[in-house]
Amino acid sequence: MAFARTIAEGRVLIAAVVARYKINADQYARPGSAYNETETRTQLINALLQSLGWDVLNENGVTQDAQEVIQEATVEDKTERLSRKPDEVQGRSSSPGRFPVR
């Protein structure tokens, strides 16, 4: 899935992700379901981020420092003096920081 380039395109893509979720919601939430965190991220969360215009797959081919989304990045937690690995870290290259998504 390519990322949305316009608001109208984003709305269409979001509607498609929501429709897919509604069709399969019982499977996702069923106790004992084999649907796991990685599948949720790759099939739903990444699709929503792309619908909102984020370049999740680095289709622009920029360096890691300029990427909008870095998957499984290491983030230093200075308050607890440890490193964490959120599923994705997001931030526009023009922004002062990136935002971990857990």
PDB file of N, CA and C in Angstrom:
ATOM      1  N   MET A   1       0.841  -1.175   0.000  1.00  0.00           N
ATOM      2  CA  MET A   1       0.000   0.000   0.000  1.00  0.00           C
ATOM      3  C   MET A   1       0.884   1.236   0.000  1.00  0.00           C
ATOM      4  N   ALA A   2       0.642   2.127  -0.923  1.00  0.00           N
ATOM      5  CA  ALA A   2       1.369   3.392  -0.968  1.00  0.00           C
ATOM      6  C   ALA A   2       0.787   4.344   0.061  1.00  0.00           C
ATOM      7  N   PHE A   3       1.583   5.312   0.481  1.00  0.00           N
ATOM      8  CA  PHE A   3       1.060   6.258   1.453  1.00  0.00           C
ATOM      9  C   PHE A   3       0.232   7.328   0.760  1.00  0.00           C
ATOM     10  N   ALA A   4      -0.726   7.881   1.496  1.00  0.00           N
ATOM     11  CA  ALA A   4      -1.640   8.875   0.941  1.00  0.00           C
ATOM     12  C   ALA A   4      -0.884  10.153   0.607  1.00  0.00           C
ATOM     13  N   ARG A   5      -1.193  10.706  -0.531  1.00  0.00           N
ATOM     14  CA  ARG A   5      -0.554  11.956  -0.952  1.00  0.00           C
ATOM     15  C   ARG A   5      -1.501  13.149  -0.830  1.00  0.00           C
ATOM     16  N   THR A   6      -2.799  12.870  -0.687  1.00  0.00           N
ATOM     17  CA  THR A   6      -3.785  13.939  -0.515  1.00  0.00           C
ATOM     18  C   THR A   6      -4.744  13.542   0.603  1.00  0.00           C
ATOM     19  N   ILE A   7      -5.477  14.520   1.117  1.00  0.00           N
ATOM     20  CA  ILE A   7      -6.456  14.234   2.167  1.00  0.00           C
ATOM     21  C   ILE A   7      -7.549  13.317   1.635  1.00  0.00           C
ATOM     22  N   ALA A   8      -8.009  13.576   0.426  1.00  0.00           N
ATOM     23  CA  ALA A   8      -9.074  12.740  -0.156  1.00  0.00           C
ATOM     24  C   ALA A   8      -8.598  11.298  -0.313  1.00  0.00           C
ATOM     25  N   GLU A   9      -7.385  11.122  -0.789  1.00  0.00           N
ATOM     26  CA  GLU A   9      -6.829   9.769  -0.941  1.00  0.00           C
ATOM     27  C   GLU A   9      -6.700   9.108   0.428  1.00  0.00           C
ATOM     28  N   GLY A  10      -6.285   9.862   1.434  1.00  0.00           N
ATOM     29  CA  GLY A  10      -6.162   9.330   2.787  1.00  0.00           C
ATOM     30  C   GLY A  10      -7.490   8.855   3.338  1.00  0.00           C
ATOM     31  N   ARG A  11      -8.544   9.613   3.085  1.00  0.00           N
ATOM     32  CA  ARG A  11      -9.874   9.217   3.558  1.00  0.00           C
ATOM     33  C   ARG A  11     -10.320   7.901   2.937  1.00  0.00           C
ATOM     34  N   VAL A  12     -10.055   7.735   1.659  1.00  0.00           N
ATOM     35  CA  VAL A  12     -10.421   6.487   0.980  1.00  0.00           C
ATOM     36  C   VAL A  12      -9.627   5.318   1.566  1.00  0.00           C
ATOM     37  N   LEU A  13      -8.344   5.526   1.785  1.00  0.00           N
ATOM     38  CA  LEU A  13      -7.501   4.461   2.335  1.00  0.00           C
ATOM     39  C   LEU A  13      -7.895   4.114   3.766  1.00  0.00           C
ATOM     40  N   ILE A  14      -8.202   5.122   4.583  1.00  0.00           N
ATOM     41  CA  ILE A  14      -8.648   4.869   5.964  1.00  0.00           C
ATOM     42  C   ILE A  14      -9.950   4.085   5.962  1.00  0.00           C
ATOM     43  N   ALA A  15     -10.874   4.469   5.098  1.00  0.00           N
ATOM     44  CA  ALA A  15     -12.151   3.756   5.013  1.00  0.00           C
ATOM     45  C   ALA A  15     -11.934   2.290   4.658  1.00  0.00           C
ATOM     46  N   ALA A  16     -10.978   2.006   3.792  1.00  0.00           N
ATOM     47  CA  ALA A  16     -10.690   0.626   3.410  1.00  0.00           C
ATOM     48  C   ALA A  16     -10.126  -0.166   4.592  1.00  0.00           C
ATOM     49  N   VAL A  17      -9.238   0.438   5.376  1.00  0.00           N
ATOM     50  CA  VAL A  17      -8.667  -0.238   6.549  1.00  0.00           C
ATOM     51  C   VAL A  17      -9.753  -0.499   7.574  1.00  0.00           C
ATOM     52  N   VAL A  18     -10.614   0.492   7.826  1.00  0.00           N
ATOM     53  CA  VAL A  18     -11.699   0.338   8.793  1.00  0.00           C
ATOM     54  C   VAL A  18     -12.667  -0.756   8.336  1.00  0.00           C
ATOM     55  N   ALA A  19     -12.980  -0.778   7.048  1.00  0.00           N
ATOM     56  CA  ALA A  19     -13.884  -1.814   6.521  1.00  0.00           C
ATOM     57  C   ALA A  19     -13.266  -3.201   6.694  1.00  0.00           C
ATOM     58  N   ARG A  20     -11.964  -3.323   6.414  1.00  0.00           N
ATOM     59  CA  ARG A  20     -11.278  -4.613   6.582  1.00  0.00           C
ATOM     60  C   ARG A  20     -11.302  -5.041   8.043  1.00  0.00           C
ATOM     61  N   TYR A  21     -11.089  -4.071   8.941  1.00  0.00           N
ATOM     62  CA  TYR A  21     -11.132  -4.381  10.369  1.00  0.00           C
ATOM     63  C   TYR A  21     -12.526  -4.881  10.766  1.00  0.00           C
ATOM     64  N   LYS A  22     -13.566  -4.190  10.340  1.00  0.00           N
ATOM     65  CA  LYS A  22     -14.931  -4.574  10.704  1.00  0.00           C
ATOM     66  C   LYS A  22     -15.274  -5.981  10.217  1.00  0.00           C
ATOM     67  N   ILE A  23     -14.831  -6.324   9.026  1.00  0.00           N
ATOM     68  CA  ILE A  23     -15.102  -7.650   8.469  1.00  0.00           C
ATOM     69  C   ILE A  23     -14.438  -8.735   9.315  1.00  0.00           C
ATOM     70  N   ASN A  24     -13.244  -8.454   9.826  1.00  0.00           N
ATOM     71  CA  ASN A  24     -12.463  -9.463  10.541  1.00  0.00           C
ATOM     72  C   ASN A  24     -12.406  -9.259  12.052  1.00  0.00           C
ATOM     73  N   ALA A  25     -13.193  -8.334  12.592  1.00  0.00           N
ATOM     74  CA  ALA A  25     -13.109  -7.980  14.020  1.00  0.00           C
ATOM     75  C   ALA A  25     -13.265  -9.192  14.934  1.00  0.00           C
ATOM     76  N   ASP A  26     -14.184 -10.084  14.611  1.00  0.00           N
ATOM     77  CA  ASP A  26     -14.382 -11.264  15.455  1.00  0.00           C
ATOM     78  C   ASP A  26     -13.128 -12.115  15.525  1.00  0.00           C
ATOM     79  N   GLN A  27     -12.441 -12.253  14.397  1.00  0.00           N
ATOM     80  CA  GLN A  27     -11.205 -13.041  14.356  1.00  0.00           C
ATOM     81  C   GLN A  27     -10.118 -12.372  15.209  1.00  0.00           C
ATOM     82  N   TYR A  28     -10.021 -11.049  15.135  1.00  0.00           N
ATOM     83  CA  TYR A  28      -8.982 -10.340  15.883  1.00  0.00           C
ATOM     84  C   TYR A  28      -9.176 -10.477  17.387  1.00  0.00           C
ATOM     85  N   ALA A  29     -10.416 -10.401  17.853  1.00  0.00           N
ATOM     86  CA  ALA A  29     -10.712 -10.349  19.285  1.00  0.00           C
ATOM     87  C   ALA A  29     -11.037 -11.699  19.911  1.00  0.00           C
ATOM     88  N   ARG A  30     -11.171 -12.730  19.108  1.00  0.00           N
ATOM     89  CA  ARG A  30     -11.559 -14.045  19.627  1.00  0.00           C
ATOM     90  C   ARG A  30     -10.506 -14.578  20.600  1.00  0.00           C
ATOM     91  N   PRO A  31     -10.916 -15.041  21.792  1.00  0.00           N
ATOM     92  CA  PRO A  31      -9.958 -15.642  22.720  1.00  0.00           C
ATOM     93  C   PRO A  31      -9.216 -16.797  22.042  1.00  0.00           C
ATOM     94  N   GLY A  32      -7.918 -16.809  22.211  1.00  0.00           N
ATOM     95  CA  GLY A  32      -7.107 -17.854  21.611  1.00  0.00           C
ATOM     96  C   GLY A  32      -6.776 -17.602  20.153  1.00  0.00           C
ATOM     97  N   SER A  33      -7.135 -16.430  19.647  1.00  0.00           N
ATOM     98  CA  SER A  33      -6.860 -16.102  18.249  1.00  0.00           C
ATOM     99  C   SER A  33      -5.357 -16.121  17.985  1.00  0.00           C
ATOM    100  N   ALA A  34      -4.981 -16.577  16.830  1.00  0.00           N
ATOM    101  CA  ALA A  34      -3.571 -16.597  16.434  1.00  0.00           C
ATOM    102  C   ALA A  34      -3.124 -15.245  15.901  1.00  0.00           C
ATOM    103  N   TYR A  35      -4.069 -14.300  15.805  1.00  0.00           N
ATOM    104  CA  TYR A  35      -3.741 -12.959  15.307  1.00  0.00           C
ATOM    105  C   TYR A  35      -2.896 -12.263  16.361  1.00  0.00           C
ATOM    106  N   ASN A  36      -1.677 -11.892  16.023  1.00  0.00           N
ATOM    107  CA  ASN A  36      -0.750 -11.387  17.030  1.00  0.00           C
ATOM    108  C   ASN A  36      -0.380  -9.914  16.815  1.00  0.00           C
ATOM    109  N   GLU A  37       0.493  -9.419  17.670  1.00  0.00           N
ATOM    110  CA  GLU A  37       0.894  -8.012  17.650  1.00  0.00           C
ATOM    111  C   GLU A  37       1.550  -7.618  16.322  1.00  0.00           C
ATOM    112  N   THR A  38       2.411  -8.459  15.804  1.00  0.00           N
ATOM    113  CA  THR A  38       3.084  -8.141  14.545  1.00  0.00           C
ATOM    114  C   THR A  38       2.090  -8.036  13.398  1.00  0.00           C
ATOM    115  N   GLU A  39       1.145  -8.964  13.329  1.00  0.00           N
ATOM    116  CA  GLU A  39       0.126  -8.894  12.283  1.00  0.00           C
ATOM    117  C   GLU A  39      -0.730  -7.641  12.436  1.00  0.00           C
ATOM    118  N   THR A  40      -1.063  -7.297  13.668  1.00  0.00           N
ATOM    119  CA  THR A  40      -1.841  -6.079  13.909  1.00  0.00           C
ATOM    120  C   THR A  40      -1.085  -4.861  13.400  1.00  0.00           C
ATOM    121  N   ARG A  41       0.196  -4.795  13.726  1.00  0.00           N
ATOM    122  CA  ARG A  41       1.007  -3.646  13.293  1.00  0.00           C
ATOM    123  C   ARG A  41       1.132  -3.588  11.781  1.00  0.00           C
ATOM    124  N   THR A  42       1.486  -4.708  11.165  1.00  0.00           N
ATOM    125  CA  THR A  42       1.739  -4.679   9.732  1.00  0.00           C
ATOM    126  C   THR A  42       0.468  -4.544   8.895  1.00  0.00           C
ATOM    127  N   GLN A  43      -0.628  -5.125   9.351  1.00  0.00           N
ATOM    128  CA  GLN A  43      -1.852  -5.112   8.537  1.00  0.00           C
ATOM    129  C   GLN A  43      -2.795  -3.968   8.865  1.00  0.00           C
ATOM    130  N   LEU A  44      -2.767  -3.459  10.084  1.00  0.00           N
ATOM    131  CA  LEU A  44      -3.713  -2.406  10.468  1.00  0.00           C
ATOM    132  C   LEU A  44      -3.025  -1.086  10.813  1.00  0.00           C
ATOM    133  N   ILE A  45      -2.105  -1.115  11.759  1.00  0.00           N
ATOM    134  CA  ILE A  45      -1.485   0.137  12.212  1.00  0.00           C
ATOM    135  C   ILE A  45      -0.674   0.780  11.103  1.00  0.00           C
ATOM    136  N   ASN A  46       0.189   0.005  10.438  1.00  0.00           N
ATOM    137  CA  ASN A  46       0.968   0.575   9.334  1.00  0.00           C
ATOM    138  C   ASN A  46       0.057   1.099   8.228  1.00  0.00           C
ATOM    139  N   ALA A  47      -1.016   0.371   7.931  1.00  0.00           N
ATOM    140  CA  ALA A  47      -1.954   0.812   6.895  1.00  0.00           C
ATOM    141  C   ALA A  47      -2.610   2.138   7.279  1.00  0.00           C
ATOM    142  N   LEU A  48      -2.967   2.293   8.557  1.00  0.00           N
ATOM    143  CA  LEU A  48      -3.554   3.562   9.001  1.00  0.00           C
ATOM    144  C   LEU A  48      -2.539   4.700   8.923  1.00  0.00           C
ATOM    145  N   LEU A  49      -1.306   4.445   9.343  1.00  0.00           N
ATOM    146  CA  LEU A  49      -0.279   5.481   9.271  1.00  0.00           C
ATOM    147  C   LEU A  49      -0.034   5.905   7.825  1.00  0.00           C
ATOM    148  N   GLN A  50       0.002   4.935   6.915  1.00  0.00           N
ATOM    149  CA  GLN A  50       0.178   5.258   5.503  1.00  0.00           C
ATOM    150  C   GLN A  50      -1.010   6.059   4.988  1.00  0.00           C
ATOM    151  N   SER A  51      -2.208   5.729   5.445  1.00  0.00           N
ATOM    152  CA  SER A  51      -3.414   6.463   5.045  1.00  0.00           C
ATOM    153  C   SER A  51      -3.363   7.911   5.503  1.00  0.00           C
ATOM    154  N   LEU A  52      -2.668   8.142   6.603  1.00  0.00           N
ATOM    155  CA  LEU A  52      -2.526   9.493   7.136  1.00  0.00           C
ATOM    156  C   LEU A  52      -1.344  10.239   6.520  1.00  0.00           C
ATOM    157  N   GLY A  53      -0.668   9.601   5.577  1.00  0.00           N
ATOM    158  CA  GLY A  53       0.406  10.269   4.857  1.00  0.00           C
ATOM    159  C   GLY A  53       1.809   9.964   5.337  1.00  0.00           C
ATOM    160  N   TRP A  54       1.956   9.079   6.325  1.00  0.00           N
ATOM    161  CA  TRP A  54       3.285   8.724   6.819  1.00  0.00           C
ATOM    162  C   TRP A  54       3.951   7.745   5.862  1.00  0.00           C
ATOM    163  N   ASP A  55       5.237   7.959   5.606  1.00  0.00           N
ATOM    164  CA  ASP A  55       6.017   7.080   4.726  1.00  0.00           C
ATOM    165  C   ASP A  55       6.573   5.933   5.566  1.00  0.00           C
ATOM    166  N   VAL A  56       5.722   4.968   5.894  1.00  0.00           N
ATOM    167  CA  VAL A  56       6.068   3.868   6.796  1.00  0.00           C
ATOM    168  C   VAL A  56       7.175   2.985   6.219  1.00  0.00           C
ATOM    169  N   LEU A  57       7.149   2.752   4.922  1.00  0.00           N
ATOM    170  CA  LEU A  57       8.097   1.832   4.292  1.00  0.00           C
ATOM    171  C   LEU A  57       9.296   2.537   3.666  1.00  0.00           C
ATOM    172  N   ASN A  58       9.461   3.815   3.948  1.00  0.00           N
ATOM    173  CA  ASN A  58      10.552   4.616   3.396  1.00  0.00           C
ATOM    174  C   ASN A  58      10.573   4.539   1.870  1.00  0.00           C
ATOM    175  N   GLU A  59       9.398   4.720   1.272  1.00  0.00           N
ATOM    176  CA  GLU A  59       9.299   4.695  -0.181  1.00  0.00           C
ATOM    177  C   GLU A  59      10.041   5.864  -0.828  1.00  0.00           C
ATOM    178  N   ASN A  60      10.315   6.919  -0.038  1.00  0.00           N
ATOM    179  CA  ASN A  60      11.076   8.055  -0.559  1.00  0.00           C
ATOM    180  C   ASN A  60      12.571   7.782  -0.587  1.00  0.00           C
ATOM    181  N   GLY A  61      12.990   6.700   0.068  1.00  0.00           N
ATOM    182  CA  GLY A  61      14.393   6.297   0.041  1.00  0.00           C
ATOM    183  C   GLY A  61      15.331   7.254   0.758  1.00  0.00           C
ATOM    184  N   VAL A  62      14.872   7.877   1.827  1.00  0.00           N
ATOM    185  CA  VAL A  62      15.718   8.809   2.566  1.00  0.00           C
ATOM    186  C   VAL A  62      16.581   8.055   3.573  1.00  0.00           C
ATOM    187  N   THR A  63      17.579   8.725   4.120  1.00  0.00           N
ATOM    188  CA  THR A  63      18.445   8.093   5.118  1.00  0.00           C
ATOM    189  C   THR A  63      17.658   7.835   6.395  1.00  0.00           C
ATOM    190  N   GLN A  64      18.186   6.991   7.272  1.00  0.00           N
ATOM    191  CA  GLN A  64      17.469   6.645   8.494  1.00  0.00           C
ATOM    192  C   GLN A  64      17.189   7.869   9.353  1.00  0.00           C
ATOM    193  N   ASP A  65      18.121   8.810   9.399  1.00  0.00           N
ATOM    194  CA  ASP A  65      17.906  10.018  10.194  1.00  0.00           C
ATOM    195  C   ASP A  65      16.731  10.846   9.692  1.00  0.00           C
ATOM    196  N   ALA A  66      16.401  10.746   8.419  1.00  0.00           N
ATOM    197  CA  ALA A  66      15.326  11.551   7.835  1.00  0.00           C
ATOM    198  C   ALA A  66      14.019  10.782   7.673  1.00  0.00           C
ATOM    199  N   GLN A  67      14.016   9.493   7.991  1.00  0.00           N
ATOM    200  CA  GLN A  67      12.800   8.692   7.828  1.00  0.00           C
ATOM    201  C   GLN A  67      11.703   9.176   8.761  1.00  0.00           C
ATOM    202  N   GLU A  68      10.473   9.113   8.274  1.00  0.00           N
ATOM    203  CA  GLU A  68       9.327   9.519   9.081  1.00  0.00           C
ATOM    204  C   GLU A  68       8.953   8.453  10.110  1.00  0.00           C
ATOM    205  N   VAL A  69       9.167   7.203   9.790  1.00  0.00           N
ATOM    206  CA  VAL A  69       8.844   6.095  10.688  1.00  0.00           C
ATOM    207  C   VAL A  69      10.024   5.130  10.701  1.00  0.00           C
ATOM    208  N   ILE A  70      10.490   4.813  11.891  1.00  0.00           N
ATOM    209  CA  ILE A  70      11.551   3.806  12.043  1.00  0.00           C
ATOM    210  C   ILE A  70      10.944   2.680  12.864  1.00  0.00           C
ATOM    211  N   GLN A  71      10.900   1.497  12.291  1.00  0.00           N
ATOM    212  CA  GLN A  71      10.290   0.369  12.985  1.00  0.00           C
ATOM    213  C   GLN A  71      11.316  -0.321  13.864  1.00  0.00           C
ATOM    214  N   GLU A  72      10.872  -0.688  15.071  1.00  0.00           N
ATOM    215  CA  GLU A  72      11.706  -1.368  16.070  1.00  0.00           C
ATOM    216  C   GLU A  72      12.968  -0.568  16.407  1.00  0.00           C
ATOM    217  N   ALA A  73      12.833   0.749  16.497  1.00  0.00           N
ATOM    218  CA  ALA A  73      13.968   1.604  16.847  1.00  0.00           C
ATOM    219  C   ALA A  73      14.264   1.502  18.332  1.00  0.00           C
ATOM    220  N   THR A  74      15.507   1.747  18.712  1.00  0.00           N
ATOM    221  CA  THR A  74      15.874   1.799  20.126  1.00  0.00           C
ATOM    222  C   THR A  74      15.700   3.228  20.611  1.00  0.00           C
ATOM    223  N   VAL A  75      14.969   3.394  21.705  1.00  0.00           N
ATOM    224  CA  VAL A  75      14.711   4.712  22.279  1.00  0.00           C
ATOM    225  C   VAL A  75      15.257   4.715  23.696  1.00  0.00           C
ATOM    226  N   GLU A  76      16.098   5.687  23.992  1.00  0.00           N
ATOM    227  CA  GLU A  76      16.669   5.794  25.327  1.00  0.00           C
ATOM    228  C   GLU A  76      15.653   6.424  26.271  1.00  0.00           C
ATOM    229  N   ASP A  77      15.435   5.791  27.415  1.00  0.00           N
ATOM    230  CA  ASP A  77      14.550   6.312  28.450  1.00  0.00           C
ATOM    231  C   ASP A  77      15.441   6.812  29.578  1.00  0.00           C
ATOM    232  N   LYS A  78      15.713   8.120  29.579  1.00  0.00           N
ATOM    233  CA  LYS A  78      16.664   8.685  30.541  1.00  0.00           C
ATOM    234  C   LYS A  78      16.144   8.655  31.969  1.00  0.00           C
ATOM    235  N   THR A  79      14.819   8.695  32.154  1.00  0.00           N
ATOM    236  CA  THR A  79      14.277   8.684  33.513  1.00  0.00           C
ATOM    237  C   THR A  79      14.488   7.334  34.188  1.00  0.00           C
ATOM    238  N   GLU A  80      14.459   6.261  33.401  1.00  0.00           N
ATOM    239  CA  GLU A  80      14.651   4.927  33.972  1.00  0.00           C
ATOM    240  C   GLU A  80      16.024   4.348  33.639  1.00  0.00           C
ATOM    241  N   ARG A  81      16.830   5.108  32.905  1.00  0.00           N
ATOM    242  CA  ARG A  81      18.184   4.704  32.510  1.00  0.00           C
ATOM    243  C   ARG A  81      18.208   3.345  31.815  1.00  0.00           C
ATOM    244  N   LEU A  82      17.382   3.230  30.804  1.00  0.00           N
ATOM    245  CA  LEU A  82      17.364   1.994  30.027  1.00  0.00           C
ATOM    246  C   LEU A  82      16.927   2.292  28.604  1.00  0.00           C
ATOM    247  N   SER A  83      17.044   1.299  27.772  1.00  0.00           N
ATOM    248  CA  SER A  83      16.626   1.423  26.376  1.00  0.00           C
ATOM    249  C   SER A  83      15.351   0.629  26.172  1.00  0.00           C
ATOM    250  N   ARG A  84      14.483   1.160  25.336  1.00  0.00           N
ATOM    251  CA  ARG A  84      13.237   0.482  24.996  1.00  0.00           C
ATOM    252  C   ARG A  84      13.178   0.322  23.485  1.00  0.00           C
ATOM    253  N   LYS A  85      12.381  -0.635  23.046  1.00  0.00           N
ATOM    254  CA  LYS A  85      12.198  -0.858  21.618  1.00  0.00           C
ATOM    255  C   LYS A  85      10.706  -0.783  21.292  1.00  0.00           C
ATOM    256  N   PRO A  86      10.184   0.434  21.091  1.00  0.00           N
ATOM    257  CA  PRO A  86       8.785   0.530  20.680  1.00  0.00           C
ATOM    258  C   PRO A  86       8.629  -0.044  19.281  1.00  0.00           C
ATOM    259  N   ASP A  87       7.405  -0.401  18.915  1.00  0.00           N
ATOM    260  CA  ASP A  87       7.164  -0.966  17.588  1.00  0.00           C
ATOM    261  C   ASP A  87       7.572   0.001  16.490  1.00  0.00           C
ATOM    262  N   GLU A  88       7.269   1.275  16.679  1.00  0.00           N
ATOM    263  CA  GLU A  88       7.597   2.278  15.672  1.00  0.00           C
ATOM    264  C   GLU A  88       7.922   3.590  16.359  1.00  0.00           C
ATOM    265  N   VAL A  89       8.763   4.378  15.709  1.00  0.00           N
ATOM    266  CA  VAL A  89       9.052   5.729  16.165  1.00  0.00           C
ATOM    267  C   VAL A  89       8.720   6.636  14.999  1.00  0.00           C
ATOM    268  N   GLN A  90       7.916   7.673  15.279  1.00  0.00           N
ATOM    269  CA  GLN A  90       7.489   8.547  14.202  1.00  0.00           C
ATOM    270  C   GLN A  90       7.911   9.976  14.468  1.00  0.00           C
ATOM    271  N   GLY A  91       8.199  10.685  13.411  1.00  0.00           N
ATOM    272  CA  GLY A  91       8.512  12.098  13.509  1.00  0.00           C
ATOM    273  C   GLY A  91       8.939  12.608  12.158  1.00  0.00           C
ATOM    274  N   ARG A  92       8.437  13.719  11.762  1.00  0.00           N
ATOM    275  CA  ARG A  92       8.855  14.317  10.499  1.00  0.00           C
ATOM    276  C   ARG A  92      10.296  14.788  10.660  1.00  0.00           C
ATOM    277  N   SER A  93      11.063  14.723   9.592  1.00  0.00           N
ATOM    278  CA  SER A  93      12.463  15.117   9.691  1.00  0.00           C
ATOM    279  C   SER A  93      12.610  16.576  10.106  1.00  0.00           C
ATOM    280  N   SER A  94      11.570  17.390   9.891  1.00  0.00           N
ATOM    281  CA  SER A  94      11.641  18.790  10.274  1.00  0.00           C
ATOM    282  C   SER A  94      11.255  19.015  11.740  1.00  0.00           C
ATOM    283  N   SER A  95      10.760  17.959  12.407  1.00  0.00           N
ATOM    284  CA  SER A  95      10.352  18.123  13.799  1.00  0.00           C
ATOM    285  C   SER A  95      11.540  17.913  14.727  1.00  0.00           C
ATOM    286  N   PRO A  96      11.505  18.517  15.929  1.00  0.00           N
ATOM    287  CA  PRO A  96      12.646  18.403  16.846  1.00  0.00           C
ATOM    288  C   PRO A  96      12.801  17.028  17.475  1.00  0.00           C
ATOM    289  N   GLY A  97      11.762  16.176  17.456  1.00  0.00           N
ATOM    290  CA  GLY A  97      11.869  14.873  18.097  1.00  0.00           C
ATOM    291  C   GLY A  97      11.026  13.842  17.399  1.00  0.00           C
ATOM    292  N   ARG A  98      11.164  12.644  17.870  1.00  0.00           N
ATOM    293  CA  ARG A  98      10.359  11.547  17.331  1.00  0.00           C
ATOM    294  C   ARG A  98       9.455  11.046  18.429  1.00  0.00           C
ATOM    295  N   PHE A  99       8.382  10.363  18.044  1.00  0.00           N
ATOM    296  CA  PHE A  99       7.353   9.974  18.984  1.00  0.00           C
ATOM    297  C   PHE A  99       7.217   8.462  19.015  1.00  0.00           C
ATOM    298  N   PRO A 100       7.590   7.800  20.118  1.00  0.00           N
ATOM    299  CA  PRO A 100       7.461   6.343  20.189  1.00  0.00           C
ATOM    300  C   PRO A 100       5.998   5.899  20.196  1.00  0.00           C
ATOM    301  N   VAL A 101       5.740   4.824  19.496  1.00  0.00           N
ATOM    302  CA  VAL A 101       4.410   4.208  19.497  1.00  0.00           C
ATOM    303  C   VAL A 101       4.564   2.828  20.080  1.00  0.00           C
ATOM    304  N   ARG A 102       3.846   2.560  21.158  1.00  0.00           N
ATOM    305  CA  ARG A 102       3.962   1.257  21.812  1.00  0.00           C
ATOM    306  C   ARG A 102       2.727   0.460  21.588  1.00  0.00           C
TER     307      ARG A 102
END
